[in-house]
Structure formats: structure tokens, C-alpha cells
Amino acid sequence: MKHTPGPWKISYMVETSDSSQEPNAYSYVINHGDIELEQHKANATLISAAPDMLEVLISIAHDPGCPEHVVACIADVVDKATGKEK
């Protein structure tokens, strides 16, 4: 996978271990216009859970008892999340 492995956490401050070094945390802020702070926080919460959700979905899809239609849906979502969307 190409994404940064989790766990991810929400922080309102970027910390550095030394002022001459790169930050040890990165974030991307996407401005969607008039979105309230609470919605930004909700978006950050969802994004921070993404690696864990992806791991769980992959685990469920590999369960032999998982129905084929669920495996297919999970495969589509995993492909989208990993940039392999058709």
C-alpha cells in the first residue's frame, strides 16, 4: 500500500523533534468554502480512522465465511482506497 501506515491521530499542533528537522507529522487541509469547524473536525476524525477501516475490511474479505457479494463490495472499496479503482 502506498499510504502512510496507521495509526493516524488528530492533532491541532505539528510537533518537531528538532527545529532543524522536518516535522514528524504532516497534514493536508482542503478548503471547501463555508464549512463549519465541527464539520472539519468530523472530516478529520473520519480520515484518521481510514487505515484502521481499510485493515478491517481486508480482514473481513479474507474470512472464508464472508458472502461473495460482500467480498465484491469490499474489493471495490479497497480498490478505490488504494488507487486501483476501475
C-alpha atoms as a PDB file:
ATOM      1  CA  MET A   1       0.000   0.000   0.000  1.00  0.00           C
ATOM      2  CA  LYS A   2       1.203   3.482  -0.769  1.00  0.00           C
ATOM      3  CA  HIS A   3      -0.468   5.372   2.072  1.00  0.00           C
ATOM      4  CA  THR A   4       1.243   6.160   5.338  1.00  0.00           C
ATOM      5  CA  PRO A   5       0.558   3.267   7.695  1.00  0.00           C
ATOM      6  CA  GLY A   6      -1.662   3.940  10.693  1.00  0.00           C
ATOM      7  CA  PRO A   7      -2.362   4.552  13.374  1.00  0.00           C
ATOM      8  CA  TRP A   8      -3.249   8.106  12.480  1.00  0.00           C
ATOM      9  CA  LYS A   9      -4.364  10.610  15.063  1.00  0.00           C
ATOM     10  CA  ILE A  10      -5.913  14.032  15.077  1.00  0.00           C
ATOM     11  CA  SER A  11      -3.747  16.808  16.378  1.00  0.00           C
ATOM     12  CA  TYR A  12      -4.135  20.547  16.220  1.00  0.00           C
ATOM     13  CA  MET A  13      -0.408  21.160  16.516  1.00  0.00           C
ATOM     14  CA  VAL A  14       2.517  19.915  14.432  1.00  0.00           C
ATOM     15  CA  GLU A  15       5.392  18.766  16.565  1.00  0.00           C
ATOM     16  CA  THR A  16       9.011  18.564  15.514  1.00  0.00           C
ATOM     17  CA  SER A  17      11.769  16.772  17.326  1.00  0.00           C
ATOM     18  CA  ASP A  18      14.257  19.485  16.379  1.00  0.00           C
ATOM     19  CA  SER A  19      13.739  22.837  14.702  1.00  0.00           C
ATOM     20  CA  SER A  20      16.280  21.937  12.005  1.00  0.00           C
ATOM     21  CA  GLN A  21      14.440  18.750  11.059  1.00  0.00           C
ATOM     22  CA  GLU A  22      11.328  18.070   9.083  1.00  0.00           C
ATOM     23  CA  PRO A  23       8.071  17.759  11.049  1.00  0.00           C
ATOM     24  CA  ASN A  24       7.251  14.220  12.151  1.00  0.00           C
ATOM     25  CA  ALA A  25       3.600  14.769  11.242  1.00  0.00           C
ATOM     26  CA  TYR A  26       2.047  16.026   8.052  1.00  0.00           C
ATOM     27  CA  SER A  27      -1.435  17.150   7.229  1.00  0.00           C
ATOM     28  CA  TYR A  28      -3.320  18.387   4.239  1.00  0.00           C
ATOM     29  CA  VAL A  29      -6.008  20.995   4.581  1.00  0.00           C
ATOM     30  CA  ILE A  30      -8.604  21.170   1.868  1.00  0.00           C
ATOM     31  CA  ASN A  31     -10.752  24.264   1.920  1.00  0.00           C
ATOM     32  CA  HIS A  32     -14.332  23.549   0.942  1.00  0.00           C
ATOM     33  CA  GLY A  33     -15.612  27.060   1.457  1.00  0.00           C
ATOM     34  CA  ASP A  34     -18.099  27.725   4.221  1.00  0.00           C
ATOM     35  CA  ILE A  35     -17.687  24.520   6.208  1.00  0.00           C
ATOM     36  CA  GLU A  36     -18.098  24.925   9.943  1.00  0.00           C
ATOM     37  CA  LEU A  37     -15.312  23.923  12.315  1.00  0.00           C
ATOM     38  CA  GLU A  38     -17.347  20.972  13.608  1.00  0.00           C
ATOM     39  CA  GLN A  39     -17.602  19.552  10.087  1.00  0.00           C
ATOM     40  CA  HIS A  40     -13.837  19.952   9.606  1.00  0.00           C
ATOM     41  CA  LYS A  41     -13.328  18.050  12.872  1.00  0.00           C
ATOM     42  CA  ALA A  42     -15.738  15.328  11.720  1.00  0.00           C
ATOM     43  CA  ASN A  43     -13.854  15.026   8.419  1.00  0.00           C
ATOM     44  CA  ALA A  44     -10.533  14.758  10.279  1.00  0.00           C
ATOM     45  CA  THR A  45     -11.957  12.067  12.539  1.00  0.00           C
ATOM     46  CA  LEU A  46     -13.140  10.022   9.550  1.00  0.00           C
ATOM     47  CA  ILE A  47      -9.814  10.447   7.735  1.00  0.00           C
ATOM     48  CA  SER A  48      -7.818   9.435  10.811  1.00  0.00           C
ATOM     49  CA  ALA A  49      -9.811   6.186  11.046  1.00  0.00           C
ATOM     50  CA  ALA A  50      -9.206   5.288   7.371  1.00  0.00           C
ATOM     51  CA  PRO A  51      -6.176   2.982   7.844  1.00  0.00           C
ATOM     52  CA  ASP A  52      -7.971   1.013  10.559  1.00  0.00           C
ATOM     53  CA  MET A  53     -11.147   0.709   8.480  1.00  0.00           C
ATOM     54  CA  LEU A  54      -9.144  -0.460   5.461  1.00  0.00           C
ATOM     55  CA  GLU A  55      -7.389  -3.107   7.542  1.00  0.00           C
ATOM     56  CA  VAL A  56     -10.699  -4.373   8.948  1.00  0.00           C
ATOM     57  CA  LEU A  57     -12.326  -4.522   5.517  1.00  0.00           C
ATOM     58  CA  ILE A  58      -9.431  -6.525   4.099  1.00  0.00           C
ATOM     59  CA  SER A  59      -9.632  -8.891   7.063  1.00  0.00           C
ATOM     60  CA  ILE A  60     -13.386  -9.388   6.589  1.00  0.00           C
ATOM     61  CA  ALA A  61     -12.949 -10.057   2.871  1.00  0.00           C
ATOM     62  CA  HIS A  62     -10.419 -12.813   3.616  1.00  0.00           C
ATOM     63  CA  ASP A  63     -12.785 -14.579   6.020  1.00  0.00           C
ATOM     64  CA  PRO A  64     -13.904 -17.816   4.339  1.00  0.00           C
ATOM     65  CA  GLY A  65     -17.433 -17.286   5.679  1.00  0.00           C
ATOM     66  CA  CYS A  66     -17.821 -13.871   4.060  1.00  0.00           C
ATOM     67  CA  PRO A  67     -20.519 -13.922   1.341  1.00  0.00           C
ATOM     68  CA  GLU A  68     -19.272 -13.376  -2.219  1.00  0.00           C
ATOM     69  CA  HIS A  69     -21.376 -10.241  -2.739  1.00  0.00           C
ATOM     70  CA  VAL A  70     -19.814  -8.694   0.376  1.00  0.00           C
ATOM     71  CA  VAL A  71     -16.318  -9.659  -0.812  1.00  0.00           C
ATOM     72  CA  ALA A  72     -17.069  -7.965  -4.164  1.00  0.00           C
ATOM     73  CA  CYS A  73     -18.262  -4.766  -2.459  1.00  0.00           C
ATOM     74  CA  ILE A  74     -15.219  -4.725  -0.194  1.00  0.00           C
ATOM     75  CA  ALA A  75     -12.917  -5.291  -3.174  1.00  0.00           C
ATOM     76  CA  ASP A  76     -14.404  -2.250  -4.902  1.00  0.00           C
ATOM     77  CA  VAL A  77     -13.927  -0.065  -1.814  1.00  0.00           C
ATOM     78  CA  VAL A  78     -10.379  -1.317  -1.214  1.00  0.00           C
ATOM     79  CA  ASP A  79      -9.515  -0.651  -4.865  1.00  0.00           C
ATOM     80  CA  LYS A  80     -10.868   2.890  -4.505  1.00  0.00           C
ATOM     81  CA  ALA A  81      -8.949   3.464  -1.262  1.00  0.00           C
ATOM     82  CA  THR A  82      -5.697   2.173  -2.737  1.00  0.00           C
ATOM     83  CA  GLY A  83      -5.953   3.974  -6.061  1.00  0.00           C
ATOM     84  CA  LYS A  84      -6.783   0.888  -8.113  1.00  0.00           C
ATOM     85  CA  GLU A  85     -10.339   1.939  -8.898  1.00  0.00           C
ATOM     86  CA  LYS A  86     -11.538   0.797 -12.301  1.00  0.00           C
END
